[in-house]
Amino acid sequence: DIFIFLLFCILKIHPKMSKMLVFLCLIVVQVSFSASYSINIDIQLDGLKQIKQCDCDYHPGGCVISVAPPEGWKCFCQYKGAWTCSAYAQQCNTRETCPGECYSKECCERGGGDCGGY
């Protein structure tokens, strides 16, 4: 559907059409593509999100774990700027001890990211 709309826009655009119409066509295509991409990701990864999820919040000085990953996973905190942090979980290797529901500075440092808020 998105590509049909894009093709329609391209075929209908000619020198006399306004640049605003071209711009609007591109915005509609971008929004439509983003929405369908997000929906597909949510459907495909729905089961994995519950397993690998973690999050970090900003505290003065840096990030702290706010949602700890389950056992066998570590949390990589990232400072995004403007007093905002995000995170992603990484599976621990067999030599690492990664307890579940761990919010400590040690667990944060195991993830290898920004842990300056502790």
Protein backbone atom coordinates (compact mmCIF):
# COMPACT_ATOMS: atom_id res chain seq x y z
CA ASP A 1 0.00 0.00 0.00
CA ILE A 2 2.78 2.42 0.89
CA PHE A 3 4.69 1.76 -2.31
CA ILE A 4 1.54 2.12 -4.41
CA PHE A 5 0.91 5.51 -2.79
CA LEU A 6 4.54 6.53 -3.39
CA LEU A 7 4.31 5.45 -7.02
CA PHE A 8 1.05 7.40 -7.37
CA CYS A 9 2.72 10.51 -5.95
CA ILE A 10 5.73 10.20 -8.23
CA LEU A 11 3.60 9.65 -11.34
CA LYS A 12 1.35 12.61 -10.52
CA ILE A 13 4.20 15.03 -9.77
CA HIS A 14 5.13 17.28 -12.62
CA PRO A 15 6.80 20.72 -12.82
CA LYS A 16 3.56 22.66 -12.30
CA MET A 17 2.65 20.88 -9.03
CA SER A 18 3.59 22.63 -5.84
CA LYS A 19 6.58 21.57 -3.82
CA MET A 20 4.26 21.39 -0.82
CA LEU A 21 2.28 18.54 -2.40
CA VAL A 22 5.50 16.64 -3.06
CA PHE A 23 6.57 17.24 0.54
CA LEU A 24 3.21 16.04 1.88
CA CYS A 25 3.40 12.85 -0.19
CA LEU A 26 6.83 12.09 1.24
CA ILE A 27 5.64 12.74 4.81
CA VAL A 28 2.64 10.43 4.40
CA VAL A 29 4.88 7.70 3.03
CA GLN A 30 7.41 8.14 5.85
CA VAL A 31 4.75 8.07 8.57
CA SER A 32 3.04 5.06 7.01
CA PHE A 33 6.32 3.19 6.64
CA SER A 34 7.37 4.00 10.23
CA ALA A 35 4.03 2.83 11.62
CA SER A 36 4.08 -0.45 9.72
CA TYR A 37 7.74 -1.04 10.62
CA SER A 38 7.02 -0.52 14.33
CA ILE A 39 4.01 -2.81 14.22
CA ASN A 40 6.05 -5.55 12.54
CA ILE A 41 8.84 -5.24 15.09
CA ASP A 42 6.37 -5.41 17.98
CA ILE A 43 4.73 -8.53 16.57
CA GLN A 44 8.01 -10.30 15.82
CA LEU A 45 9.74 -9.40 19.09
CA ASP A 46 6.77 -9.47 21.45
CA GLY A 47 7.97 -12.59 23.27
CA LEU A 48 11.56 -11.37 23.48
CA LYS A 49 10.78 -7.98 25.01
CA GLN A 50 9.67 -9.57 28.26
CA ILE A 51 12.86 -11.63 28.47
CA LYS A 52 15.51 -9.06 27.57
CA GLN A 53 14.06 -5.77 28.76
CA CYS A 54 15.97 -3.34 30.97
CA ASP A 55 15.97 0.43 31.39
CA CYS A 56 18.03 3.17 33.01
CA ASP A 57 17.08 6.59 34.38
CA TYR A 58 19.17 9.72 34.77
CA HIS A 59 20.33 10.72 38.25
CA PRO A 60 22.83 13.52 38.94
CA GLY A 61 26.11 12.38 37.43
CA GLY A 62 24.79 9.77 35.01
CA CYS A 63 22.60 6.70 34.65
CA VAL A 64 21.21 4.12 37.09
CA ILE A 65 19.31 0.91 36.39
CA SER A 66 15.57 1.49 36.83
CA VAL A 67 14.29 -1.78 35.27
CA ALA A 68 16.68 -4.66 35.91
CA PRO A 69 17.05 -7.50 33.41
CA PRO A 70 16.33 -11.09 34.43
CA GLU A 71 18.97 -13.59 35.51
CA GLY A 72 21.57 -14.27 32.81
CA TRP A 73 21.32 -10.77 31.33
CA LYS A 74 23.18 -7.50 31.94
CA CYS A 75 22.01 -3.94 31.34
CA PHE A 76 23.97 -1.47 29.20
CA CYS A 77 22.95 2.08 30.23
CA GLN A 78 23.43 4.93 27.77
CA TYR A 79 23.34 8.67 28.53
CA LYS A 80 21.35 10.28 25.69
CA GLY A 81 21.82 13.92 26.67
CA ALA A 82 19.38 16.39 28.23
CA TRP A 83 19.25 14.41 31.49
CA THR A 84 17.97 11.28 29.72
CA CYS A 85 19.19 7.68 29.77
CA SER A 86 18.12 4.57 27.89
CA ALA A 87 19.32 0.98 27.98
CA TYR A 88 19.41 -2.37 26.30
CA ALA A 89 20.04 -5.83 27.69
CA GLN A 90 22.85 -8.12 26.63
CA GLN A 91 23.04 -11.81 27.39
CA CYS A 92 25.88 -12.66 29.76
CA ASN A 93 28.55 -15.12 28.69
CA THR A 94 29.07 -18.36 30.61
CA ARG A 95 31.97 -16.93 32.68
CA GLU A 96 29.87 -14.03 34.04
CA THR A 97 27.56 -14.13 37.03
CA CYS A 98 24.49 -12.05 36.19
CA PRO A 99 21.83 -12.21 38.91
CA GLY A 100 18.27 -11.22 38.13
CA GLU A 101 16.60 -8.09 39.50
CA CYS A 102 19.94 -6.45 40.30
CA TYR A 103 19.95 -2.64 40.54
CA SER A 104 23.42 -2.15 42.08
CA LYS A 105 26.33 -0.15 40.70
CA GLU A 106 28.22 -3.44 40.28
CA CYS A 107 25.48 -4.82 38.03
CA CYS A 108 25.39 -1.59 36.06
CA GLU A 109 29.17 -1.65 35.57
CA ARG A 110 28.97 -5.28 34.43
CA GLY A 111 26.86 -3.99 31.52
CA GLY A 112 29.71 -1.66 30.50
CA GLY A 113 27.69 1.54 30.01
CA ASP A 114 27.22 4.83 31.86
CA CYS A 115 26.80 4.22 35.61
CA GLY A 116 27.68 7.70 36.90
CA GLY A 117 24.39 8.20 38.77
CA TYR A 118 25.21 5.80 41.61
